[in-house]
N, C-alpha and C. Protein backbone atom coordinates (compact mmCIF):
# COMPACT_ATOMS: atom_id res chain seq x y z
N UNK A 1 -75.10 114.29 95.70
CA UNK A 1 -74.25 114.97 96.66
C UNK A 1 -72.92 115.23 95.96
N UNK A 2 -72.35 116.35 96.23
CA UNK A 2 -71.10 116.75 95.59
C UNK A 2 -70.05 117.05 96.67
N UNK A 3 -68.87 116.46 96.51
CA UNK A 3 -67.80 116.65 97.47
C UNK A 3 -66.54 117.09 96.74
N UNK A 4 -65.76 117.94 97.39
CA UNK A 4 -64.48 118.37 96.83
C UNK A 4 -63.36 117.83 97.69
N UNK A 5 -62.26 117.49 97.05
CA UNK A 5 -61.09 116.97 97.74
C UNK A 5 -59.89 117.76 97.26
N UNK A 6 -59.10 118.22 98.19
CA UNK A 6 -57.93 119.00 97.84
C UNK A 6 -57.02 118.18 96.93
N UNK A 7 -56.56 118.81 95.86
CA UNK A 7 -55.66 118.15 94.93
C UNK A 7 -56.38 117.46 93.77
N UNK A 8 -57.70 117.44 93.78
CA UNK A 8 -58.48 116.83 92.69
C UNK A 8 -58.97 117.92 91.76
N UNK A 9 -59.03 117.60 90.49
CA UNK A 9 -59.42 118.59 89.49
C UNK A 9 -60.91 118.91 89.50
N UNK A 10 -61.74 117.93 89.84
CA UNK A 10 -63.18 118.16 89.84
C UNK A 10 -63.84 117.50 91.05
N UNK A 11 -65.05 117.92 91.37
CA UNK A 11 -65.72 117.34 92.54
C UNK A 11 -66.14 115.90 92.28
N UNK A 12 -66.30 115.15 93.35
CA UNK A 12 -66.82 113.79 93.29
C UNK A 12 -68.32 113.91 93.52
N UNK A 13 -69.11 113.42 92.58
CA UNK A 13 -70.56 113.50 92.66
C UNK A 13 -71.12 112.11 92.93
N UNK A 14 -71.86 111.99 94.04
CA UNK A 14 -72.45 110.72 94.42
C UNK A 14 -73.96 110.84 94.31
N UNK A 15 -74.55 110.08 93.38
CA UNK A 15 -76.00 110.14 93.23
C UNK A 15 -76.72 109.50 94.41
N UNK A 16 -77.97 109.86 94.60
CA UNK A 16 -78.76 109.32 95.72
C UNK A 16 -79.67 108.17 95.27
N UNK A 17 -79.22 107.39 94.28
CA UNK A 17 -79.97 106.23 93.83
C UNK A 17 -79.87 105.13 94.87
N UNK A 18 -80.84 104.18 94.83
CA UNK A 18 -80.76 103.03 95.73
C UNK A 18 -79.52 102.20 95.41
N UNK A 19 -79.22 102.05 94.12
CA UNK A 19 -78.05 101.31 93.67
C UNK A 19 -77.24 102.20 92.75
N UNK A 20 -75.93 102.18 92.94
CA UNK A 20 -75.03 102.98 92.11
C UNK A 20 -74.20 102.03 91.27
N UNK A 21 -74.13 102.28 89.99
CA UNK A 21 -73.40 101.41 89.07
C UNK A 21 -71.90 101.43 89.32
N UNK A 22 -71.27 100.32 88.97
CA UNK A 22 -69.83 100.17 89.16
C UNK A 22 -69.07 101.24 88.38
N UNK A 23 -69.56 101.61 87.22
CA UNK A 23 -68.89 102.63 86.41
C UNK A 23 -68.84 103.97 87.14
N UNK A 24 -69.90 104.32 87.86
CA UNK A 24 -69.92 105.57 88.63
C UNK A 24 -68.95 105.49 89.79
N UNK A 25 -68.93 104.36 90.47
CA UNK A 25 -68.00 104.17 91.61
C UNK A 25 -66.57 104.26 91.13
N UNK A 26 -66.24 103.60 90.04
CA UNK A 26 -64.86 103.64 89.51
C UNK A 26 -64.47 105.05 89.08
N UNK A 27 -65.39 105.75 88.46
CA UNK A 27 -65.11 107.12 88.04
C UNK A 27 -64.84 108.02 89.24
N UNK A 28 -65.67 107.87 90.29
CA UNK A 28 -65.47 108.66 91.50
C UNK A 28 -64.15 108.31 92.18
N UNK A 29 -63.78 107.05 92.17
CA UNK A 29 -62.50 106.64 92.77
C UNK A 29 -61.34 107.27 92.02
N UNK A 30 -61.42 107.31 90.69
CA UNK A 30 -60.36 107.96 89.89
C UNK A 30 -60.29 109.44 90.21
N UNK A 31 -61.45 110.10 90.25
CA UNK A 31 -61.49 111.54 90.55
C UNK A 31 -60.93 111.84 91.93
N UNK A 32 -61.19 110.97 92.90
CA UNK A 32 -60.71 111.17 94.28
C UNK A 32 -59.32 110.62 94.50
N UNK A 33 -58.75 110.02 93.44
CA UNK A 33 -57.41 109.40 93.54
C UNK A 33 -57.38 108.38 94.69
N UNK A 34 -58.41 107.53 94.72
CA UNK A 34 -58.57 106.54 95.78
C UNK A 34 -58.30 105.15 95.21
N UNK A 35 -57.51 104.37 95.93
CA UNK A 35 -57.21 103.01 95.50
C UNK A 35 -58.39 102.09 95.84
N UNK A 36 -58.41 100.94 95.22
CA UNK A 36 -59.44 99.95 95.49
C UNK A 36 -59.39 99.51 96.95
N UNK A 37 -58.19 99.35 97.46
CA UNK A 37 -58.01 98.94 98.86
C UNK A 37 -58.56 100.00 99.81
N UNK A 38 -58.26 101.28 99.52
CA UNK A 38 -58.78 102.37 100.34
C UNK A 38 -60.30 102.41 100.30
N UNK A 39 -60.86 102.17 99.12
CA UNK A 39 -62.32 102.18 98.97
C UNK A 39 -62.96 101.13 99.88
N UNK A 40 -62.45 99.89 99.81
CA UNK A 40 -63.04 98.82 100.61
C UNK A 40 -62.78 99.01 102.10
N UNK A 41 -61.64 99.58 102.43
CA UNK A 41 -61.35 99.87 103.85
C UNK A 41 -62.36 100.89 104.38
N UNK A 42 -62.62 101.94 103.61
CA UNK A 42 -63.58 102.96 104.01
C UNK A 42 -64.99 102.40 104.04
N UNK A 43 -65.34 101.59 103.04
CA UNK A 43 -66.68 101.00 102.96
C UNK A 43 -66.94 100.10 104.17
N UNK A 44 -65.96 99.33 104.56
CA UNK A 44 -66.11 98.40 105.69
C UNK A 44 -66.04 99.08 107.05
N UNK A 45 -65.57 100.31 107.09
CA UNK A 45 -65.46 101.02 108.37
C UNK A 45 -66.82 101.50 108.88
N UNK A 46 -67.82 101.53 107.99
CA UNK A 46 -69.16 101.96 108.39
C UNK A 46 -69.36 103.46 108.44
N UNK A 47 -68.45 104.22 107.87
CA UNK A 47 -68.58 105.69 107.88
C UNK A 47 -69.50 106.16 106.79
């Protein structure tokens, strides 16, 4: 899946694997300019 975020240089690509490696998650967080705290807040929100 590919998502674009205003202000980011490239899209965030999320693979549809059962498990996603930490390196992919960290790369996507950098691309989306998302902090670790924001990531866990979003992850725990159930969205």
